[in-house]
Each structure stands twice: as C-alpha cells, then as structure tokens.
C-alpha cells in the first residue's frame, strides 16, 4: 500500500515539481500550479480530475475515489491511499494530475509522461 512518503517521492520526481505547505498540508505544484495535496492525516490525496471523469471514477470505485464537499464544484477528486494496488497506480494518478496542470512547454519536453494537450 502506498503511503505519504511514496506520494512525496513520486510527485517530486515529476519535472519542475515543488512541494509547498498550504492550508497546513503538503501541496505539490508544477511550474507553480497545484496538482496534488496530502490532506487530513495523509491517508488520501487530492488530485486534479475533469468533473466528468471524476464522477465516473467515484461511481465505479467508491472505496477508492471520493469527492470532498468543499471540492465538489472544482475539478478535483480524492484518492484513498490504502485502496491503491501499488505505487505504479499511484504514479499513474499523480502523472495524470501533473499533465493537467503542467504548461505546454513541459508536456512537449516530456512526452514519456503521456499525451500532450492541444489547448
């Protein structure tokens, strides 16, 4: 089961990522834009996720994904670390969130991290 230290290690391994304490919790940012947080007791993470996909994830795997009340109107989803299969799954989730926050220049220079946005 991945833990908070795995989150930190994986997040900080992504290009141009920094850690910053905000709202009394660790947050991870790419080029200054937040893509993940370690809220509560560091037993879950919050990551960027388009609302349509987020709702589908929560319906499909409610033991793994959930929406915090104060984030319901934003494109974020919570992920229970204990419900993840392994660090590979955690890496995929963090990389996906990183891609949503990363500027185009980083996406283009790191194609190994996935699809480049066209926006």
Protein backbone atom coordinates (compact mmCIF):
# COMPACT_ATOMS: atom_id res chain seq x y z
CA UNK A 1 0.00 0.00 0.00
CA UNK A 2 1.45 3.37 -0.98
CA UNK A 3 1.90 5.96 1.77
CA UNK A 4 2.55 9.68 2.12
CA UNK A 5 6.28 9.25 1.55
CA UNK A 6 5.56 7.45 -1.74
CA UNK A 7 3.33 10.36 -2.75
CA UNK A 8 6.11 12.82 -1.97
CA UNK A 9 8.80 10.78 -3.77
CA UNK A 10 6.73 10.24 -6.91
CA UNK A 11 5.34 13.77 -7.08
CA UNK A 12 8.76 15.36 -6.66
CA UNK A 13 10.19 13.08 -9.36
CA UNK A 14 7.91 14.74 -11.93
CA UNK A 15 9.53 17.59 -13.90
CA UNK A 16 9.52 21.09 -12.39
CA UNK A 17 7.60 19.94 -9.31
CA UNK A 18 7.96 21.60 -5.92
CA UNK A 19 6.41 20.96 -2.53
CA UNK A 20 4.82 23.80 -0.59
CA UNK A 21 2.83 23.83 2.64
CA UNK A 22 -0.56 25.48 2.12
CA UNK A 23 -3.67 25.22 4.31
CA UNK A 24 -1.44 23.37 6.82
CA UNK A 25 -0.80 20.47 4.41
CA UNK A 26 1.76 19.49 1.79
CA UNK A 27 0.85 20.53 -1.74
CA UNK A 28 2.68 19.67 -4.95
CA UNK A 29 2.96 22.13 -7.82
CA UNK A 30 4.25 22.05 -11.36
CA UNK A 31 5.53 25.40 -12.59
CA UNK A 32 3.73 26.95 -9.61
CA UNK A 33 0.34 25.35 -10.37
CA UNK A 34 -1.03 22.89 -7.79
CA UNK A 35 -1.71 19.33 -8.96
CA UNK A 36 -1.84 17.30 -5.72
CA UNK A 37 -2.32 17.71 -1.98
CA UNK A 38 -1.89 15.44 1.03
CA UNK A 39 -4.87 16.43 3.23
CA UNK A 40 -6.13 15.08 6.55
CA UNK A 41 -3.89 12.53 8.18
CA UNK A 42 -2.01 11.96 4.90
CA UNK A 43 -4.13 8.87 4.23
CA UNK A 44 -5.53 10.27 0.99
CA UNK A 45 -4.50 12.61 -1.78
CA UNK A 46 -6.46 15.18 -3.74
CA UNK A 47 -5.65 15.38 -7.45
CA UNK A 48 -6.91 17.22 -10.50
CA UNK A 49 -9.56 15.33 -12.45
CA UNK A 50 -12.07 16.59 -15.02
CA UNK A 51 -15.53 16.58 -13.41
CA UNK A 52 -17.00 14.12 -15.92
CA UNK A 53 -14.21 11.61 -15.32
CA UNK A 54 -14.25 12.27 -11.57
CA UNK A 55 -17.93 11.40 -11.27
CA UNK A 56 -17.41 8.20 -13.27
CA UNK A 57 -14.43 7.20 -11.07
CA UNK A 58 -16.40 7.76 -7.87
CA UNK A 59 -19.35 5.74 -9.17
CA UNK A 60 -17.12 2.90 -10.42
CA UNK A 61 -14.80 2.67 -7.40
CA UNK A 62 -16.33 4.46 -4.38
CA UNK A 63 -13.95 2.72 -1.97
CA UNK A 64 -11.01 4.27 -3.80
CA UNK A 65 -12.27 7.66 -5.04
CA UNK A 66 -14.46 10.27 -3.35
CA UNK A 67 -15.29 13.96 -3.54
CA UNK A 68 -14.77 16.23 -0.56
CA UNK A 69 -17.73 18.54 -0.01
CA UNK A 70 -15.64 21.70 -0.33
CA UNK A 71 -14.17 20.47 -3.65
CA UNK A 72 -17.47 19.39 -5.25
CA UNK A 73 -17.61 22.37 -7.61
CA UNK A 74 -13.96 22.02 -8.62
CA UNK A 75 -12.20 19.50 -10.88
CA UNK A 76 -10.55 17.58 -8.02
CA UNK A 77 -11.02 14.07 -6.66
CA UNK A 78 -9.74 12.39 -3.50
CA UNK A 79 -7.95 9.05 -3.60
CA UNK A 80 -7.64 6.75 -0.58
CA UNK A 81 -4.02 5.59 -0.46
CA UNK A 82 -4.97 2.31 1.28
CA UNK A 83 -7.22 1.41 -1.66
CA UNK A 84 -4.46 1.69 -4.28
CA UNK A 85 -2.95 -1.51 -5.62
CA UNK A 86 0.65 -0.31 -5.63
CA UNK A 87 3.00 2.59 -6.31
CA UNK A 88 2.56 2.12 -10.07
CA UNK A 89 -1.11 3.02 -9.74
CA UNK A 90 -0.19 5.99 -7.55
CA UNK A 91 2.39 7.09 -10.15
CA UNK A 92 -0.25 6.93 -12.92
CA UNK A 93 -2.71 9.02 -10.89
CA UNK A 94 -0.11 11.65 -9.97
CA UNK A 95 1.26 11.83 -13.53
CA UNK A 96 -2.25 12.31 -14.90
CA UNK A 97 -2.88 15.17 -12.48
CA UNK A 98 0.57 16.64 -13.27
CA UNK A 99 -0.29 16.63 -17.00
CA UNK A 100 -3.46 18.60 -16.32
CA UNK A 101 -1.53 21.34 -14.52
CA UNK A 102 1.74 21.39 -16.48
CA UNK A 103 2.38 24.10 -19.05
CA UNK A 104 2.59 23.03 -22.68
CA UNK A 105 6.38 23.55 -22.78
CA UNK A 106 6.83 20.85 -20.10
CA UNK A 107 4.35 18.49 -21.74
CA UNK A 108 6.19 18.83 -25.05
CA UNK A 109 9.60 18.29 -23.48
CA UNK A 110 8.45 15.19 -21.53
CA UNK A 111 6.43 13.05 -23.97
CA UNK A 112 7.20 9.99 -21.84
CA UNK A 113 4.67 11.35 -19.35
CA UNK A 114 1.79 10.99 -21.76
CA UNK A 115 -0.42 12.83 -24.20
CA UNK A 116 0.27 16.47 -24.96
CA UNK A 117 -2.74 18.76 -24.53
CA UNK A 118 -3.88 20.71 -27.55
CA UNK A 119 -5.36 23.69 -25.67
